[in-house]
């Protein structure tokens, strides 16, 4: 993500898989590298991990009919 002097930076980073009851937690590891205009000067964050959950109910199907016609 490019930096343009903003007071706050954020980015959405997807995980590689979702945690489920059947398969347990699926951890993904992340780190952030802050670059400068000098290729030899940069700052790396410590590696940290997190996980996402597939806990959203699916939407109602469109044009669904239990007993049609």
PDB file of N, CA and C in Angstrom:
ATOM      1  N   UNK A   1       0.852  -1.173   0.000  1.00  0.00           N
ATOM      2  CA  UNK A   1       0.000   0.000   0.000  1.00  0.00           C
ATOM      3  C   UNK A   1       0.894   1.230   0.000  1.00  0.00           C
ATOM      4  N   UNK A   2       0.628   2.110  -0.880  1.00  0.00           N
ATOM      5  CA  UNK A   2       1.436   3.331  -0.969  1.00  0.00           C
ATOM      6  C   UNK A   2       1.076   4.302   0.150  1.00  0.00           C
ATOM      7  N   UNK A   3       2.084   4.996   0.639  1.00  0.00           N
ATOM      8  CA  UNK A   3       1.876   5.992   1.693  1.00  0.00           C
ATOM      9  C   UNK A   3       1.876   7.382   1.069  1.00  0.00           C
ATOM     10  N   UNK A   4       0.908   8.190   1.443  1.00  0.00           N
ATOM     11  CA  UNK A   4       0.800   9.534   0.875  1.00  0.00           C
ATOM     12  C   UNK A   4       0.627  10.592   1.958  1.00  0.00           C
ATOM     13  N   UNK A   5       1.238  10.415   3.113  1.00  0.00           N
ATOM     14  CA  UNK A   5       1.161  11.411   4.167  1.00  0.00           C
ATOM     15  C   UNK A   5      -0.159  11.443   4.904  1.00  0.00           C
ATOM     16  N   UNK A   6      -0.922  10.369   4.826  1.00  0.00           N
ATOM     17  CA  UNK A   6      -2.199  10.307   5.538  1.00  0.00           C
ATOM     18  C   UNK A   6      -1.954  10.146   7.037  1.00  0.00           C
ATOM     19  N   UNK A   7      -2.860  10.655   7.885  1.00  0.00           N
ATOM     20  CA  UNK A   7      -2.669  10.487   9.329  1.00  0.00           C
ATOM     21  C   UNK A   7      -2.877   9.048   9.798  1.00  0.00           C
ATOM     22  N   UNK A   8      -3.669   8.276   9.055  1.00  0.00           N
ATOM     23  CA  UNK A   8      -3.945   6.875   9.423  1.00  0.00           C
ATOM     24  C   UNK A   8      -3.888   6.030   8.155  1.00  0.00           C
ATOM     25  N   UNK A   9      -3.275   4.862   8.246  1.00  0.00           N
ATOM     26  CA  UNK A   9      -3.231   3.926   7.129  1.00  0.00           C
ATOM     27  C   UNK A   9      -3.941   2.652   7.541  1.00  0.00           C
ATOM     28  N   UNK A  10      -4.657   2.045   6.617  1.00  0.00           N
ATOM     29  CA  UNK A  10      -5.264   0.749   6.888  1.00  0.00           C
ATOM     30  C   UNK A  10      -5.414  -0.006   5.582  1.00  0.00           C
ATOM     31  N   UNK A  11      -5.454  -1.317   5.688  1.00  0.00           N
ATOM     32  CA  UNK A  11      -5.624  -2.172   4.524  1.00  0.00           C
ATOM     33  C   UNK A  11      -6.303  -3.456   4.982  1.00  0.00           C
ATOM     34  N   UNK A  12      -7.195  -3.977   4.162  1.00  0.00           N
ATOM     35  CA  UNK A  12      -7.849  -5.248   4.458  1.00  0.00           C
ATOM     36  C   UNK A  12      -6.978  -6.350   3.866  1.00  0.00           C
ATOM     37  N   UNK A  13      -6.595  -7.294   4.704  1.00  0.00           N
ATOM     38  CA  UNK A  13      -5.743  -8.389   4.270  1.00  0.00           C
ATOM     39  C   UNK A  13      -6.478  -9.700   4.528  1.00  0.00           C
ATOM     40  N   UNK A  14      -6.780 -10.456   3.486  1.00  0.00           N
ATOM     41  CA  UNK A  14      -7.520 -11.699   3.694  1.00  0.00           C
ATOM     42  C   UNK A  14      -6.657 -12.772   4.343  1.00  0.00           C
ATOM     43  N   UNK A  15      -7.312 -13.642   5.092  1.00  0.00           N
ATOM     44  CA  UNK A  15      -6.632 -14.818   5.618  1.00  0.00           C
ATOM     45  C   UNK A  15      -6.667 -15.906   4.555  1.00  0.00           C
ATOM     46  N   UNK A  16      -5.893 -16.949   4.733  1.00  0.00           N
ATOM     47  CA  UNK A  16      -5.819 -18.012   3.733  1.00  0.00           C
ATOM     48  C   UNK A  16      -6.930 -19.043   3.884  1.00  0.00           C
ATOM     49  N   UNK A  17      -7.622 -19.043   5.021  1.00  0.00           N
ATOM     50  CA  UNK A  17      -8.707 -19.987   5.253  1.00  0.00           C
ATOM     51  C   UNK A  17      -9.556 -19.531   6.410  1.00  0.00           C
ATOM     52  N   UNK A  18     -10.730 -20.115   6.538  1.00  0.00           N
ATOM     53  CA  UNK A  18     -11.632 -19.801   7.641  1.00  0.00           C
ATOM     54  C   UNK A  18     -11.562 -20.874   8.708  1.00  0.00           C
ATOM     55  N   UNK A  19     -11.696 -20.478   9.950  1.00  0.00           N
ATOM     56  CA  UNK A  19     -11.768 -21.433  11.047  1.00  0.00           C
ATOM     57  C   UNK A  19     -13.171 -22.026  11.076  1.00  0.00           C
ATOM     58  N   UNK A  20     -13.247 -23.312  11.353  1.00  0.00           N
ATOM     59  CA  UNK A  20     -14.543 -23.988  11.438  1.00  0.00           C
ATOM     60  C   UNK A  20     -14.566 -24.877  12.675  1.00  0.00           C
ATOM     61  N   UNK A  21     -15.760 -25.273  13.081  1.00  0.00           N
ATOM     62  CA  UNK A  21     -15.880 -26.186  14.219  1.00  0.00           C
ATOM     63  C   UNK A  21     -15.218 -27.518  13.877  1.00  0.00           C
ATOM     64  N   UNK A  22     -15.431 -28.010  12.669  1.00  0.00           N
ATOM     65  CA  UNK A  22     -14.905 -29.319  12.274  1.00  0.00           C
ATOM     66  C   UNK A  22     -13.377 -29.343  12.175  1.00  0.00           C
ATOM     67  N   UNK A  23     -12.791 -28.269  11.633  1.00  0.00           N
ATOM     68  CA  UNK A  23     -11.346 -28.264  11.387  1.00  0.00           C
ATOM     69  C   UNK A  23     -10.552 -27.421  12.376  1.00  0.00           C
ATOM     70  N   UNK A  24     -11.228 -26.700  13.254  1.00  0.00           N
ATOM     71  CA  UNK A  24     -10.537 -25.882  14.246  1.00  0.00           C
ATOM     72  C   UNK A  24     -10.098 -24.541  13.697  1.00  0.00           C
ATOM     73  N   UNK A  25      -9.259 -23.856  14.470  1.00  0.00           N
ATOM     74  CA  UNK A  25      -8.792 -22.525  14.079  1.00  0.00           C
ATOM     75  C   UNK A  25      -7.735 -22.632  12.990  1.00  0.00           C
ATOM     76  N   UNK A  26      -7.843 -21.778  11.991  1.00  0.00           N
ATOM     77  CA  UNK A  26      -6.885 -21.712  10.897  1.00  0.00           C
ATOM     78  C   UNK A  26      -6.149 -20.382  11.019  1.00  0.00           C
ATOM     79  N   UNK A  27      -4.944 -20.430  11.555  1.00  0.00           N
ATOM     80  CA  UNK A  27      -4.163 -19.223  11.785  1.00  0.00           C
ATOM     81  C   UNK A  27      -3.397 -18.810  10.535  1.00  0.00           C
ATOM     82  N   UNK A  28      -3.313 -17.523  10.293  1.00  0.00           N
ATOM     83  CA  UNK A  28      -2.473 -16.949   9.253  1.00  0.00           C
ATOM     84  C   UNK A  28      -1.498 -15.995   9.933  1.00  0.00           C
ATOM     85  N   UNK A  29      -0.257 -15.963   9.456  1.00  0.00           N
ATOM     86  CA  UNK A  29       0.770 -15.098  10.038  1.00  0.00           C
ATOM     87  C   UNK A  29       0.979 -13.882   9.133  1.00  0.00           C
ATOM     88  N   UNK A  30       1.183 -12.724   9.761  1.00  0.00           N
ATOM     89  CA  UNK A  30       1.349 -11.472   9.026  1.00  0.00           C
ATOM     90  C   UNK A  30       2.494 -10.664   9.626  1.00  0.00           C
ATOM     91  N   UNK A  31       3.106  -9.857   8.765  1.00  0.00           N
ATOM     92  CA  UNK A  31       4.004  -8.822   9.254  1.00  0.00           C
ATOM     93  C   UNK A  31       3.886  -7.632   8.309  1.00  0.00           C
ATOM     94  N   UNK A  32       4.287  -6.482   8.792  1.00  0.00           N
ATOM     95  CA  UNK A  32       4.203  -5.251   8.005  1.00  0.00           C
ATOM     96  C   UNK A  32       5.611  -4.713   7.794  1.00  0.00           C
ATOM     97  N   UNK A  33       5.914  -4.360   6.563  1.00  0.00           N
ATOM     98  CA  UNK A  33       7.189  -3.706   6.267  1.00  0.00           C
ATOM     99  C   UNK A  33       6.894  -2.270   5.865  1.00  0.00           C
ATOM    100  N   UNK A  34       7.484  -1.341   6.594  1.00  0.00           N
ATOM    101  CA  UNK A  34       7.369   0.083   6.272  1.00  0.00           C
ATOM    102  C   UNK A  34       8.615   0.475   5.488  1.00  0.00           C
ATOM    103  N   UNK A  35       8.427   0.873   4.242  1.00  0.00           N
ATOM    104  CA  UNK A  35       9.540   1.231   3.374  1.00  0.00           C
ATOM    105  C   UNK A  35       9.763   2.740   3.389  1.00  0.00           C
ATOM    106  N   UNK A  36      10.956   3.144   3.037  1.00  0.00           N
ATOM    107  CA  UNK A  36      11.290   4.566   2.911  1.00  0.00           C
ATOM    108  C   UNK A  36      11.739   4.820   1.476  1.00  0.00           C
ATOM    109  N   UNK A  37      12.107   6.046   1.178  1.00  0.00           N
ATOM    110  CA  UNK A  37      12.593   6.338  -0.170  1.00  0.00           C
ATOM    111  C   UNK A  37      13.988   5.770  -0.416  1.00  0.00           C
ATOM    112  N   UNK A  38      14.651   5.297   0.634  1.00  0.00           N
ATOM    113  CA  UNK A  38      15.946   4.636   0.520  1.00  0.00           C
ATOM    114  C   UNK A  38      15.705   3.130   0.610  1.00  0.00           C
ATOM    115  N   UNK A  39      16.069   2.386  -0.426  1.00  0.00           N
ATOM    116  CA  UNK A  39      15.807   0.939  -0.464  1.00  0.00           C
ATOM    117  C   UNK A  39      16.481   0.174   0.674  1.00  0.00           C
ATOM    118  N   UNK A  40      17.488   0.762   1.308  1.00  0.00           N
ATOM    119  CA  UNK A  40      18.202   0.078   2.380  1.00  0.00           C
ATOM    120  C   UNK A  40      17.710   0.466   3.773  1.00  0.00           C
ATOM    121  N   UNK A  41      16.716   1.339   3.840  1.00  0.00           N
ATOM    122  CA  UNK A  41      16.148   1.742   5.132  1.00  0.00           C
ATOM    123  C   UNK A  41      14.672   1.352   5.142  1.00  0.00           C
ATOM    124  N   UNK A  42      14.334   0.414   6.018  1.00  0.00           N
ATOM    125  CA  UNK A  42      12.958  -0.044   6.155  1.00  0.00           C
ATOM    126  C   UNK A  42      12.754  -0.537   7.576  1.00  0.00           C
ATOM    127  N   UNK A  43      11.527  -0.712   7.962  1.00  0.00           N
ATOM    128  CA  UNK A  43      11.193  -1.140   9.323  1.00  0.00           C
ATOM    129  C   UNK A  43      10.193  -2.288   9.241  1.00  0.00           C
ATOM    130  N   UNK A  44      10.522  -3.420   9.864  1.00  0.00           N
ATOM    131  CA  UNK A  44       9.651  -4.594   9.872  1.00  0.00           C
ATOM    132  C   UNK A  44       8.988  -4.747  11.228  1.00  0.00           C
ATOM    133  N   UNK A  45       7.711  -5.046  11.213  1.00  0.00           N
ATOM    134  CA  UNK A  45       6.998  -5.323  12.467  1.00  0.00           C
ATOM    135  C   UNK A  45       7.292  -6.758  12.900  1.00  0.00           C
ATOM    136  N   UNK A  46       7.072  -7.070  14.161  1.00  0.00           N
ATOM    137  CA  UNK A  46       7.148  -8.473  14.570  1.00  0.00           C
ATOM    138  C   UNK A  46       6.031  -9.263  13.875  1.00  0.00           C
ATOM    139  N   UNK A  47       6.260 -10.519  13.619  1.00  0.00           N
ATOM    140  CA  UNK A  47       5.229 -11.376  13.023  1.00  0.00           C
ATOM    141  C   UNK A  47       4.158 -11.638  14.063  1.00  0.00           C
ATOM    142  N   UNK A  48       2.926 -11.542  13.640  1.00  0.00           N
ATOM    143  CA  UNK A  48       1.792 -11.838  14.520  1.00  0.00           C
ATOM    144  C   UNK A  48       0.812 -12.683  13.729  1.00  0.00           C
ATOM    145  N   UNK A  49      -0.088 -13.347  14.427  1.00  0.00           N
ATOM    146  CA  UNK A  49      -1.032 -14.223  13.738  1.00  0.00           C
ATOM    147  C   UNK A  49      -2.456 -13.872  14.124  1.00  0.00           C
ATOM    148  N   UNK A  50      -3.361 -14.325  13.290  1.00  0.00           N
ATOM    149  CA  UNK A  50      -4.784 -14.120  13.542  1.00  0.00           C
ATOM    150  C   UNK A  50      -5.570 -15.134  12.753  1.00  0.00           C
ATOM    151  N   UNK A  51      -6.870 -15.138  12.959  1.00  0.00           N
ATOM    152  CA  UNK A  51      -7.719 -16.064  12.222  1.00  0.00           C
ATOM    153  C   UNK A  51      -9.071 -15.425  11.964  1.00  0.00           C
ATOM    154  N   UNK A  52      -9.735 -15.918  10.950  1.00  0.00           N
ATOM    155  CA  UNK A  52     -11.080 -15.446  10.649  1.00  0.00           C
ATOM    156  C   UNK A  52     -12.060 -16.578  10.897  1.00  0.00           C
ATOM    157  N   UNK A  53     -13.307 -16.208  11.069  1.00  0.00           N
ATOM    158  CA  UNK A  53     -14.370 -17.180  11.316  1.00  0.00           C
ATOM    159  C   UNK A  53     -15.395 -17.113  10.202  1.00  0.00           C
ATOM    160  N   UNK A  54     -15.858 -18.258   9.771  1.00  0.00           N
ATOM    161  CA  UNK A  54     -16.961 -18.310   8.817  1.00  0.00           C
ATOM    162  C   UNK A  54     -18.231 -18.415   9.643  1.00  0.00           C
ATOM    163  N   UNK A  55     -18.668 -17.286  10.199  1.00  0.00           N
ATOM    164  CA  UNK A  55     -19.803 -17.292  11.116  1.00  0.00           C
ATOM    165  C   UNK A  55     -20.980 -16.465  10.598  1.00  0.00           C
ATOM    166  N   UNK A  56     -21.029 -16.230   9.301  1.00  0.00           N
ATOM    167  CA  UNK A  56     -22.137 -15.493   8.729  1.00  0.00           C
ATOM    168  C   UNK A  56     -23.125 -16.471   8.100  1.00  0.00           C
ATOM    169  N   UNK A  57     -24.384 -16.299   8.396  1.00  0.00           N
ATOM    170  CA  UNK A  57     -25.409 -17.161   7.814  1.00  0.00           C
ATOM    171  C   UNK A  57     -25.523 -16.885   6.322  1.00  0.00           C
ATOM    172  N   UNK A  58     -25.751 -17.912   5.512  1.00  0.00           N
ATOM    173  CA  UNK A  58     -25.906 -17.671   4.076  1.00  0.00           C
ATOM    174  C   UNK A  58     -27.194 -16.907   3.793  1.00  0.00           C
ATOM    175  N   UNK A  59     -27.202 -16.188   2.702  1.00  0.00           N
ATOM    176  CA  UNK A  59     -28.388 -15.431   2.309  1.00  0.00           C
ATOM    177  C   UNK A  59     -29.515 -16.343   1.847  1.00  0.00           C
ATOM    178  N   UNK A  60     -30.720 -15.816   1.815  1.00  0.00           N
ATOM    179  CA  UNK A  60     -31.880 -16.569   1.341  1.00  0.00           C
ATOM    180  C   UNK A  60     -31.772 -16.730  -0.170  1.00  0.00           C
ATOM    181  N   UNK A  61     -31.963 -17.938  -0.691  1.00  0.00           N
ATOM    182  CA  UNK A  61     -31.883 -18.136  -2.152  1.00  0.00           C
ATOM    183  C   UNK A  61     -32.939 -17.293  -2.865  1.00  0.00           C
ATOM    184  N   UNK A  62     -32.600 -16.823  -4.040  1.00  0.00           N
ATOM    185  CA  UNK A  62     -33.523 -16.042  -4.858  1.00  0.00           C
ATOM    186  C   UNK A  62     -34.371 -17.006  -5.682  1.00  0.00           C
ATOM    187  N   UNK A  63     -35.646 -16.678  -5.864  1.00  0.00           N
ATOM    188  CA  UNK A  63     -36.579 -17.490  -6.658  1.00  0.00           C
ATOM    189  C   UNK A  63     -36.699 -18.914  -6.134  1.00  0.00           C
ATOM    190  N   UNK A  64     -36.665 -19.083  -4.845  1.00  0.00           N
ATOM    191  CA  UNK A  64     -36.765 -20.407  -4.237  1.00  0.00           C
ATOM    192  C   UNK A  64     -38.230 -20.737  -3.997  1.00  0.00           C
ATOM    193  N   UNK A  65     -38.621 -21.951  -4.357  1.00  0.00           N
ATOM    194  CA  UNK A  65     -40.001 -22.368  -4.234  1.00  0.00           C
ATOM    195  C   UNK A  65     -40.036 -23.783  -3.678  1.00  0.00           C
ATOM    196  N   UNK A  66     -40.686 -23.997  -2.525  1.00  0.00           N
ATOM    197  CA  UNK A  66     -40.757 -25.318  -1.925  1.00  0.00           C
ATOM    198  C   UNK A  66     -41.718 -26.210  -2.710  1.00  0.00           C
ATOM    199  N   UNK A  67     -42.911 -25.728  -2.932  1.00  0.00           N
ATOM    200  CA  UNK A  67     -43.910 -26.488  -3.704  1.00  0.00           C
ATOM    201  C   UNK A  67     -44.485 -25.597  -4.783  1.00  0.00           C
ATOM    202  N   UNK A  68     -43.847 -25.639  -5.909  1.00  0.00           N
ATOM    203  CA  UNK A  68     -44.289 -24.785  -7.022  1.00  0.00           C
ATOM    204  C   UNK A  68     -45.239 -25.553  -7.933  1.00  0.00           C
ATOM    205  N   UNK A  69     -46.320 -24.901  -8.303  1.00  0.00           N
ATOM    206  CA  UNK A  69     -47.252 -25.399  -9.286  1.00  0.00           C
ATOM    207  C   UNK A  69     -47.937 -26.628  -8.928  1.00  0.00           C
TER     208      UNK A  69
END
